[in-house]
């Protein structure tokens, strides 16, 4: 399996654990004010990342491109920034709204990069090699 697919699956399961932990905490505390952060951890973290990983596992030529790893880094950074900032914002600290906004834009950039990967051709262009140089 391509490295980026493995990374996506590992990161996805980490977000599933985080999302379930948030849900359990809300249920035990009886305070569901952070439900938006819980939903984002599960949908953007677990579900979307697992889908990205599945796509790369099924398209190893595209997964080996440098853009795939850049896209992983951008998208993951956005989700990793968004989830805790949104949690803190929703539980009573509205000053984190600009951080949530920036994280959302980073995530959107990651999604646009994934679109570029999907719409790019299957074949990679071979780079010319030099002999004896």
C-alpha atoms as a PDB file:
ATOM      1  CA  UNK A   1       0.000   0.000   0.000  1.00  0.00           C
ATOM      2  CA  UNK A   2       1.349   3.486  -0.820  1.00  0.00           C
ATOM      3  CA  UNK A   3       2.823   5.444   2.094  1.00  0.00           C
ATOM      4  CA  UNK A   4       0.305   8.292   1.801  1.00  0.00           C
ATOM      5  CA  UNK A   5      -2.592   5.805   1.994  1.00  0.00           C
ATOM      6  CA  UNK A   6      -1.119   4.306   5.175  1.00  0.00           C
ATOM      7  CA  UNK A   7      -0.690   7.788   6.646  1.00  0.00           C
ATOM      8  CA  UNK A   8      -4.290   8.667   5.871  1.00  0.00           C
ATOM      9  CA  UNK A   9      -5.627   5.481   7.472  1.00  0.00           C
ATOM     10  CA  UNK A  10      -3.487   5.958  10.583  1.00  0.00           C
ATOM     11  CA  UNK A  11      -4.476   9.597  10.914  1.00  0.00           C
ATOM     12  CA  UNK A  12      -8.135   8.728  10.298  1.00  0.00           C
ATOM     13  CA  UNK A  13      -8.192   6.213  13.139  1.00  0.00           C
ATOM     14  CA  UNK A  14      -6.568   8.780  15.445  1.00  0.00           C
ATOM     15  CA  UNK A  15      -9.366  11.236  14.632  1.00  0.00           C
ATOM     16  CA  UNK A  16     -11.979   8.520  15.181  1.00  0.00           C
ATOM     17  CA  UNK A  17     -10.557   7.941  18.658  1.00  0.00           C
ATOM     18  CA  UNK A  18     -10.568  11.705  19.300  1.00  0.00           C
ATOM     19  CA  UNK A  19     -14.116  12.076  17.973  1.00  0.00           C
ATOM     20  CA  UNK A  20     -15.465   9.198  20.051  1.00  0.00           C
ATOM     21  CA  UNK A  21     -13.654  10.523  23.131  1.00  0.00           C
ATOM     22  CA  UNK A  22     -15.262  13.924  22.622  1.00  0.00           C
ATOM     23  CA  UNK A  23     -18.668  12.293  22.269  1.00  0.00           C
ATOM     24  CA  UNK A  24     -18.179  10.250  25.418  1.00  0.00           C
ATOM     25  CA  UNK A  25     -17.042  13.328  27.325  1.00  0.00           C
ATOM     26  CA  UNK A  26     -20.111  15.280  26.195  1.00  0.00           C
ATOM     27  CA  UNK A  27     -22.424  12.411  27.149  1.00  0.00           C
ATOM     28  CA  UNK A  28     -20.881  11.938  30.583  1.00  0.00           C
ATOM     29  CA  UNK A  29     -20.832  15.673  31.317  1.00  0.00           C
ATOM     30  CA  UNK A  30     -24.313  16.226  29.903  1.00  0.00           C
ATOM     31  CA  UNK A  31     -22.924  19.212  27.978  1.00  0.00           C
ATOM     32  CA  UNK A  32     -23.250  18.941  24.206  1.00  0.00           C
ATOM     33  CA  UNK A  33     -22.011  22.431  23.375  1.00  0.00           C
ATOM     34  CA  UNK A  34     -18.985  21.028  21.490  1.00  0.00           C
ATOM     35  CA  UNK A  35     -21.043  18.823  19.182  1.00  0.00           C
ATOM     36  CA  UNK A  36     -19.764  20.737  16.145  1.00  0.00           C
ATOM     37  CA  UNK A  37     -16.147  19.894  17.002  1.00  0.00           C
ATOM     38  CA  UNK A  38     -17.144  16.268  17.609  1.00  0.00           C
ATOM     39  CA  UNK A  39     -18.831  16.133  14.196  1.00  0.00           C
ATOM     40  CA  UNK A  40     -15.869  17.746  12.446  1.00  0.00           C
ATOM     41  CA  UNK A  41     -13.401  15.323  14.063  1.00  0.00           C
ATOM     42  CA  UNK A  42     -15.478  12.399  12.838  1.00  0.00           C
ATOM     43  CA  UNK A  43     -16.402  13.659   9.364  1.00  0.00           C
ATOM     44  CA  UNK A  44     -13.315  15.592   8.307  1.00  0.00           C
ATOM     45  CA  UNK A  45     -10.922  13.465  10.342  1.00  0.00           C
ATOM     46  CA  UNK A  46     -12.207   9.890  10.294  1.00  0.00           C
ATOM     47  CA  UNK A  47     -14.515   9.659   7.255  1.00  0.00           C
ATOM     48  CA  UNK A  48     -12.869  12.009   4.762  1.00  0.00           C
ATOM     49  CA  UNK A  49      -9.335  10.900   5.584  1.00  0.00           C
ATOM     50  CA  UNK A  50     -10.320   7.241   5.245  1.00  0.00           C
ATOM     51  CA  UNK A  51     -11.833   8.020   1.838  1.00  0.00           C
ATOM     52  CA  UNK A  52      -8.661   9.871   0.796  1.00  0.00           C
ATOM     53  CA  UNK A  53      -6.613   6.869   1.954  1.00  0.00           C
ATOM     54  CA  UNK A  54      -8.836   4.469   0.031  1.00  0.00           C
ATOM     55  CA  UNK A  55      -8.493   6.536  -3.129  1.00  0.00           C
ATOM     56  CA  UNK A  56      -4.712   6.538  -2.845  1.00  0.00           C
ATOM     57  CA  UNK A  57      -4.652   2.802  -2.116  1.00  0.00           C
ATOM     58  CA  UNK A  58      -6.615   2.226  -5.332  1.00  0.00           C
ATOM     59  CA  UNK A  59      -4.500   4.665  -7.362  1.00  0.00           C
ATOM     60  CA  UNK A  60      -0.879   3.952  -6.404  1.00  0.00           C
ATOM     61  CA  UNK A  61       0.587   5.883  -9.351  1.00  0.00           C
ATOM     62  CA  UNK A  62      -1.095   9.059  -8.152  1.00  0.00           C
ATOM     63  CA  UNK A  63      -0.252   8.254  -4.530  1.00  0.00           C
ATOM     64  CA  UNK A  64       3.460   8.196  -5.340  1.00  0.00           C
ATOM     65  CA  UNK A  65       3.408  11.748  -6.665  1.00  0.00           C
ATOM     66  CA  UNK A  66       4.837  14.483  -4.481  1.00  0.00           C
ATOM     67  CA  UNK A  67       1.523  16.342  -4.653  1.00  0.00           C
ATOM     68  CA  UNK A  68      -0.188  13.520  -2.741  1.00  0.00           C
ATOM     69  CA  UNK A  69       2.090  14.014   0.264  1.00  0.00           C
ATOM     70  CA  UNK A  70       1.752  17.814   0.067  1.00  0.00           C
ATOM     71  CA  UNK A  71      -2.029  17.439  -0.020  1.00  0.00           C
ATOM     72  CA  UNK A  72      -1.914  15.097   2.988  1.00  0.00           C
ATOM     73  CA  UNK A  73       0.186  17.598   4.960  1.00  0.00           C
ATOM     74  CA  UNK A  74      -2.035  20.573   4.118  1.00  0.00           C
ATOM     75  CA  UNK A  75      -5.337  18.813   4.793  1.00  0.00           C
ATOM     76  CA  UNK A  76      -4.109  17.141   7.990  1.00  0.00           C
ATOM     77  CA  UNK A  77      -2.673  20.390   9.350  1.00  0.00           C
ATOM     78  CA  UNK A  78      -6.007  22.092   8.731  1.00  0.00           C
ATOM     79  CA  UNK A  79      -8.054  19.421  10.500  1.00  0.00           C
ATOM     80  CA  UNK A  80      -5.548  19.169  13.366  1.00  0.00           C
ATOM     81  CA  UNK A  81      -5.837  22.939  13.869  1.00  0.00           C
ATOM     82  CA  UNK A  82      -9.605  23.117  13.380  1.00  0.00           C
ATOM     83  CA  UNK A  83     -10.813  20.434  15.773  1.00  0.00           C
ATOM     84  CA  UNK A  84      -9.259  21.729  19.028  1.00  0.00           C
ATOM     85  CA  UNK A  85      -9.826  25.388  18.103  1.00  0.00           C
ATOM     86  CA  UNK A  86     -13.482  24.702  17.314  1.00  0.00           C
ATOM     87  CA  UNK A  87     -13.854  22.724  20.539  1.00  0.00           C
ATOM     88  CA  UNK A  88     -12.454  25.567  22.641  1.00  0.00           C
ATOM     89  CA  UNK A  89     -14.486  28.145  20.711  1.00  0.00           C
ATOM     90  CA  UNK A  90     -17.749  26.228  21.153  1.00  0.00           C
ATOM     91  CA  UNK A  91     -17.143  25.654  24.862  1.00  0.00           C
ATOM     92  CA  UNK A  92     -16.921  29.335  25.644  1.00  0.00           C
ATOM     93  CA  UNK A  93     -13.943  31.066  24.021  1.00  0.00           C
ATOM     94  CA  UNK A  94     -15.208  32.988  20.955  1.00  0.00           C
ATOM     95  CA  UNK A  95     -11.784  34.609  20.474  1.00  0.00           C
ATOM     96  CA  UNK A  96     -10.711  31.450  18.618  1.00  0.00           C
ATOM     97  CA  UNK A  97     -13.066  32.149  15.717  1.00  0.00           C
ATOM     98  CA  UNK A  98     -10.256  33.582  13.534  1.00  0.00           C
ATOM     99  CA  UNK A  99      -8.227  30.387  14.106  1.00  0.00           C
ATOM    100  CA  UNK A 100     -11.247  28.311  13.101  1.00  0.00           C
ATOM    101  CA  UNK A 101     -11.625  30.447   9.966  1.00  0.00           C
ATOM    102  CA  UNK A 102      -7.963  30.035   8.983  1.00  0.00           C
ATOM    103  CA  UNK A 103      -8.103  26.294   9.654  1.00  0.00           C
ATOM    104  CA  UNK A 104     -11.211  26.049   7.458  1.00  0.00           C
ATOM    105  CA  UNK A 105      -9.375  27.770   4.614  1.00  0.00           C
ATOM    106  CA  UNK A 106      -6.418  25.408   5.018  1.00  0.00           C
ATOM    107  CA  UNK A 107      -8.785  22.429   4.857  1.00  0.00           C
ATOM    108  CA  UNK A 108     -10.414  23.870   1.742  1.00  0.00           C
ATOM    109  CA  UNK A 109      -6.972  24.241   0.137  1.00  0.00           C
ATOM    110  CA  UNK A 110      -6.320  20.570   0.957  1.00  0.00           C
ATOM    111  CA  UNK A 111      -9.604  19.570  -0.678  1.00  0.00           C
ATOM    112  CA  UNK A 112      -8.744  21.600  -3.783  1.00  0.00           C
ATOM    113  CA  UNK A 113      -5.369  19.845  -3.952  1.00  0.00           C
ATOM    114  CA  UNK A 114      -7.167  16.497  -3.727  1.00  0.00           C
ATOM    115  CA  UNK A 115      -9.373  17.589  -6.621  1.00  0.00           C
ATOM    116  CA  UNK A 116      -6.236  18.305  -8.649  1.00  0.00           C
ATOM    117  CA  UNK A 117      -5.000  14.783  -7.869  1.00  0.00           C
ATOM    118  CA  UNK A 118      -8.315  13.230  -8.884  1.00  0.00           C
ATOM    119  CA  UNK A 119      -8.624  15.176 -12.134  1.00  0.00           C
ATOM    120  CA  UNK A 120      -4.983  14.706 -13.150  1.00  0.00           C
ATOM    121  CA  UNK A 121      -4.083  12.060 -15.693  1.00  0.00           C
ATOM    122  CA  UNK A 122      -3.225   8.524 -14.590  1.00  0.00           C
ATOM    123  CA  UNK A 123       0.184   8.487 -16.169  1.00  0.00           C
ATOM    124  CA  UNK A 124       3.174  10.278 -14.788  1.00  0.00           C
ATOM    125  CA  UNK A 125       5.607  12.082 -16.989  1.00  0.00           C
ATOM    126  CA  UNK A 126       9.039  10.476 -16.984  1.00  0.00           C
ATOM    127  CA  UNK A 127      11.858  12.863 -16.261  1.00  0.00           C
ATOM    128  CA  UNK A 128      14.817  12.796 -18.617  1.00  0.00           C
ATOM    129  CA  UNK A 129      17.935  11.267 -17.180  1.00  0.00           C
ATOM    130  CA  UNK A 130      21.456  12.315 -17.892  1.00  0.00           C
ATOM    131  CA  UNK A 131      24.200   9.857 -18.599  1.00  0.00           C
ATOM    132  CA  UNK A 132      27.683  10.377 -17.232  1.00  0.00           C
ATOM    133  CA  UNK A 133      26.959  13.851 -16.046  1.00  0.00           C
END
